Amino acid sequence: MTNLPPIEDVSIGGEVIRLGQFVKFAGLLDSGGNVKEAIIDGYVLVNGEVDRRRGRQLQLGDIVGFEGRRVRVCP
């Protein structure tokens, strides 16, 4: 059994948000430049898979992972 970190819920106040915006909004990274690099370099996971599209539209329930943290998109 793998030891996955707990999932933190982050409310976005709507139904969709772009990946780059969410990574910053959720506090996974604090600067837009760092967010862009982390996504392009493949360090950000969406639902367990690498996604290098900063503009990807996340939906409610999607889980974003970065450096041992996992956060879920909530309304």
N, C-alpha and C. Protein backbone atom coordinates (compact mmCIF):
# COMPACT_ATOMS: atom_id res chain seq x y z
N MET A 1 0.85 -1.19 0.00
CA MET A 1 0.00 0.00 0.00
C MET A 1 0.89 1.25 0.00
N THR A 2 0.56 2.20 -0.87
CA THR A 2 1.36 3.41 -0.94
C THR A 2 0.88 4.42 0.09
N ASN A 3 1.80 5.24 0.53
CA ASN A 3 1.48 6.29 1.50
C ASN A 3 1.26 7.60 0.76
N LEU A 4 0.03 7.86 0.36
CA LEU A 4 -0.29 9.11 -0.32
C LEU A 4 -0.61 10.18 0.72
N PRO A 5 -0.20 11.41 0.45
CA PRO A 5 -0.53 12.49 1.39
C PRO A 5 -2.03 12.75 1.39
N PRO A 6 -2.56 13.29 2.48
CA PRO A 6 -3.99 13.61 2.52
C PRO A 6 -4.34 14.66 1.46
N ILE A 7 -5.58 14.66 1.07
CA ILE A 7 -6.05 15.62 0.07
C ILE A 7 -6.66 16.82 0.79
N GLU A 8 -6.19 18.01 0.41
CA GLU A 8 -6.74 19.25 0.95
C GLU A 8 -7.78 19.78 -0.04
N ASP A 9 -8.93 20.20 0.46
CA ASP A 9 -9.96 20.80 -0.39
C ASP A 9 -9.72 22.30 -0.50
N VAL A 10 -9.77 22.82 -1.73
CA VAL A 10 -9.60 24.26 -1.96
C VAL A 10 -10.81 24.74 -2.77
N SER A 11 -11.56 25.65 -2.17
CA SER A 11 -12.75 26.19 -2.82
C SER A 11 -12.37 27.29 -3.80
N ILE A 12 -12.85 27.15 -5.05
CA ILE A 12 -12.53 28.15 -6.08
C ILE A 12 -13.66 29.13 -6.31
N GLY A 13 -14.82 28.92 -5.67
CA GLY A 13 -15.94 29.84 -5.80
C GLY A 13 -16.61 29.79 -7.15
N GLY A 14 -16.41 28.71 -7.88
CA GLY A 14 -17.03 28.55 -9.20
C GLY A 14 -16.92 27.10 -9.62
N GLU A 15 -16.97 26.88 -10.93
CA GLU A 15 -16.95 25.50 -11.41
C GLU A 15 -15.69 25.13 -12.18
N VAL A 16 -15.00 26.10 -12.76
CA VAL A 16 -13.77 25.79 -13.51
C VAL A 16 -12.69 26.82 -13.19
N ILE A 17 -11.45 26.38 -13.33
CA ILE A 17 -10.30 27.26 -13.13
C ILE A 17 -9.16 26.66 -13.94
N ARG A 18 -8.27 27.48 -14.43
CA ARG A 18 -7.12 26.97 -15.19
C ARG A 18 -6.06 26.43 -14.23
N LEU A 19 -5.31 25.44 -14.71
CA LEU A 19 -4.31 24.77 -13.88
C LEU A 19 -3.32 25.76 -13.28
N GLY A 20 -2.76 26.65 -14.10
CA GLY A 20 -1.78 27.61 -13.59
C GLY A 20 -2.35 28.50 -12.50
N GLN A 21 -3.58 28.94 -12.70
CA GLN A 21 -4.24 29.79 -11.70
C GLN A 21 -4.45 29.02 -10.41
N PHE A 22 -4.87 27.76 -10.53
CA PHE A 22 -5.18 26.96 -9.35
C PHE A 22 -3.94 26.65 -8.52
N VAL A 23 -2.84 26.34 -9.19
CA VAL A 23 -1.60 26.03 -8.46
C VAL A 23 -1.20 27.22 -7.59
N LYS A 24 -1.32 28.41 -8.12
CA LYS A 24 -0.99 29.62 -7.35
C LYS A 24 -2.06 29.89 -6.29
N PHE A 25 -3.32 29.79 -6.66
CA PHE A 25 -4.44 30.07 -5.76
C PHE A 25 -4.42 29.14 -4.55
N ALA A 26 -4.07 27.87 -4.79
CA ALA A 26 -4.05 26.87 -3.71
C ALA A 26 -2.81 26.99 -2.84
N GLY A 27 -1.88 27.86 -3.22
CA GLY A 27 -0.69 28.08 -2.42
C GLY A 27 0.40 27.03 -2.62
N LEU A 28 0.31 26.26 -3.72
CA LEU A 28 1.35 25.27 -3.99
C LEU A 28 2.64 25.96 -4.40
N LEU A 29 2.51 27.07 -5.11
CA LEU A 29 3.64 27.94 -5.48
C LEU A 29 3.16 29.38 -5.36
N ASP A 30 4.09 30.30 -5.15
CA ASP A 30 3.63 31.67 -4.91
C ASP A 30 3.91 32.66 -6.04
N SER A 31 4.63 32.24 -7.08
CA SER A 31 4.84 33.19 -8.18
C SER A 31 4.44 32.56 -9.50
N GLY A 32 3.92 33.39 -10.38
CA GLY A 32 3.49 32.92 -11.69
C GLY A 32 4.61 32.28 -12.49
N GLY A 33 5.82 32.85 -12.37
CA GLY A 33 6.97 32.29 -13.08
C GLY A 33 7.31 30.89 -12.61
N ASN A 34 7.26 30.69 -11.28
CA ASN A 34 7.53 29.36 -10.73
C ASN A 34 6.46 28.37 -11.13
N VAL A 35 5.21 28.83 -11.17
CA VAL A 35 4.10 27.96 -11.59
C VAL A 35 4.32 27.50 -13.02
N LYS A 36 4.63 28.44 -13.89
CA LYS A 36 4.85 28.12 -15.31
C LYS A 36 5.96 27.08 -15.47
N GLU A 37 7.09 27.31 -14.80
CA GLU A 37 8.22 26.38 -14.90
C GLU A 37 7.87 25.00 -14.37
N ALA A 38 7.21 24.94 -13.21
CA ALA A 38 6.88 23.65 -12.60
C ALA A 38 5.95 22.84 -13.50
N ILE A 39 4.99 23.51 -14.13
CA ILE A 39 4.05 22.82 -15.01
C ILE A 39 4.76 22.35 -16.28
N ILE A 40 5.51 23.23 -16.92
CA ILE A 40 6.22 22.87 -18.15
C ILE A 40 7.23 21.75 -17.91
N ASP A 41 7.90 21.78 -16.75
CA ASP A 41 8.91 20.77 -16.44
C ASP A 41 8.31 19.44 -15.99
N GLY A 42 6.98 19.37 -15.87
CA GLY A 42 6.32 18.10 -15.54
C GLY A 42 6.26 17.76 -14.07
N TYR A 43 6.39 18.76 -13.19
CA TYR A 43 6.36 18.49 -11.75
C TYR A 43 4.94 18.53 -11.16
N VAL A 44 3.97 18.98 -11.95
CA VAL A 44 2.60 19.10 -11.46
C VAL A 44 1.76 17.95 -12.03
N LEU A 45 1.04 17.29 -11.14
CA LEU A 45 0.17 16.18 -11.55
C LEU A 45 -1.29 16.62 -11.47
N VAL A 46 -2.08 16.14 -12.43
CA VAL A 46 -3.52 16.34 -12.40
C VAL A 46 -4.15 14.95 -12.42
N ASN A 47 -4.87 14.62 -11.38
CA ASN A 47 -5.48 13.30 -11.23
C ASN A 47 -4.44 12.19 -11.42
N GLY A 48 -3.25 12.41 -10.87
CA GLY A 48 -2.21 11.40 -10.87
C GLY A 48 -1.34 11.34 -12.11
N GLU A 49 -1.58 12.21 -13.09
CA GLU A 49 -0.81 12.20 -14.33
C GLU A 49 -0.19 13.57 -14.60
N VAL A 50 1.00 13.58 -15.19
CA VAL A 50 1.66 14.84 -15.56
C VAL A 50 0.82 15.55 -16.61
N ASP A 51 0.62 16.84 -16.43
CA ASP A 51 -0.07 17.66 -17.45
C ASP A 51 0.72 18.95 -17.59
N ARG A 52 1.26 19.18 -18.77
CA ARG A 52 2.12 20.35 -19.00
C ARG A 52 1.36 21.53 -19.60
N ARG A 53 0.04 21.50 -19.56
CA ARG A 53 -0.77 22.59 -20.11
C ARG A 53 -1.22 23.52 -18.99
N ARG A 54 -0.55 24.66 -18.90
CA ARG A 54 -0.87 25.64 -17.85
C ARG A 54 -2.32 26.12 -17.97
N GLY A 55 -2.84 26.16 -19.19
CA GLY A 55 -4.20 26.64 -19.42
C GLY A 55 -5.27 25.56 -19.34
N ARG A 56 -4.89 24.35 -18.94
CA ARG A 56 -5.88 23.27 -18.83
C ARG A 56 -7.00 23.68 -17.90
N GLN A 57 -8.23 23.44 -18.33
CA GLN A 57 -9.39 23.75 -17.50
C GLN A 57 -9.59 22.63 -16.49
N LEU A 58 -9.48 22.95 -15.22
CA LEU A 58 -9.77 21.97 -14.17
C LEU A 58 -11.26 21.99 -13.87
N GLN A 59 -11.78 20.85 -13.51
CA GLN A 59 -13.19 20.72 -13.15
C GLN A 59 -13.29 20.42 -11.66
N LEU A 60 -14.46 20.61 -11.09
CA LEU A 60 -14.68 20.28 -9.69
C LEU A 60 -14.32 18.81 -9.46
N GLY A 61 -13.59 18.54 -8.40
CA GLY A 61 -13.20 17.18 -8.07
C GLY A 61 -11.83 16.78 -8.57
N ASP A 62 -11.26 17.55 -9.51
CA ASP A 62 -9.90 17.26 -9.98
C ASP A 62 -8.92 17.40 -8.82
N ILE A 63 -7.89 16.55 -8.82
CA ILE A 63 -6.87 16.60 -7.76
C ILE A 63 -5.54 16.98 -8.38
N VAL A 64 -4.93 18.03 -7.86
CA VAL A 64 -3.65 18.52 -8.34
C VAL A 64 -2.58 18.20 -7.30
N GLY A 65 -1.47 17.63 -7.77
CA GLY A 65 -0.39 17.27 -6.87
C GLY A 65 0.89 17.99 -7.22
N PHE A 66 1.63 18.38 -6.18
CA PHE A 66 2.93 19.02 -6.36
C PHE A 66 3.75 18.87 -5.09
N GLU A 67 4.96 18.34 -5.22
CA GLU A 67 5.90 18.19 -4.11
C GLU A 67 5.26 17.62 -2.84
N GLY A 68 4.58 16.51 -2.98
CA GLY A 68 4.03 15.83 -1.81
C GLY A 68 2.71 16.37 -1.29
N ARG A 69 2.17 17.40 -1.92
CA ARG A 69 0.86 17.91 -1.52
C ARG A 69 -0.16 17.56 -2.60
N ARG A 70 -1.38 17.30 -2.16
CA ARG A 70 -2.49 17.06 -3.08
C ARG A 70 -3.66 17.94 -2.69
N VAL A 71 -4.18 18.66 -3.67
CA VAL A 71 -5.32 19.54 -3.42
C VAL A 71 -6.42 19.26 -4.42
N ARG A 72 -7.67 19.30 -3.91
CA ARG A 72 -8.84 19.01 -4.75
C ARG A 72 -9.60 20.29 -5.05
N VAL A 73 -10.01 20.44 -6.28
CA VAL A 73 -10.81 21.59 -6.72
C VAL A 73 -12.23 21.42 -6.18
N CYS A 74 -12.68 22.37 -5.37
CA CYS A 74 -14.03 22.33 -4.78
C CYS A 74 -14.76 23.63 -5.11
N PRO A 75 -16.09 23.56 -5.11
CA PRO A 75 -16.88 24.77 -5.43
C PRO A 75 -16.76 25.85 -4.37
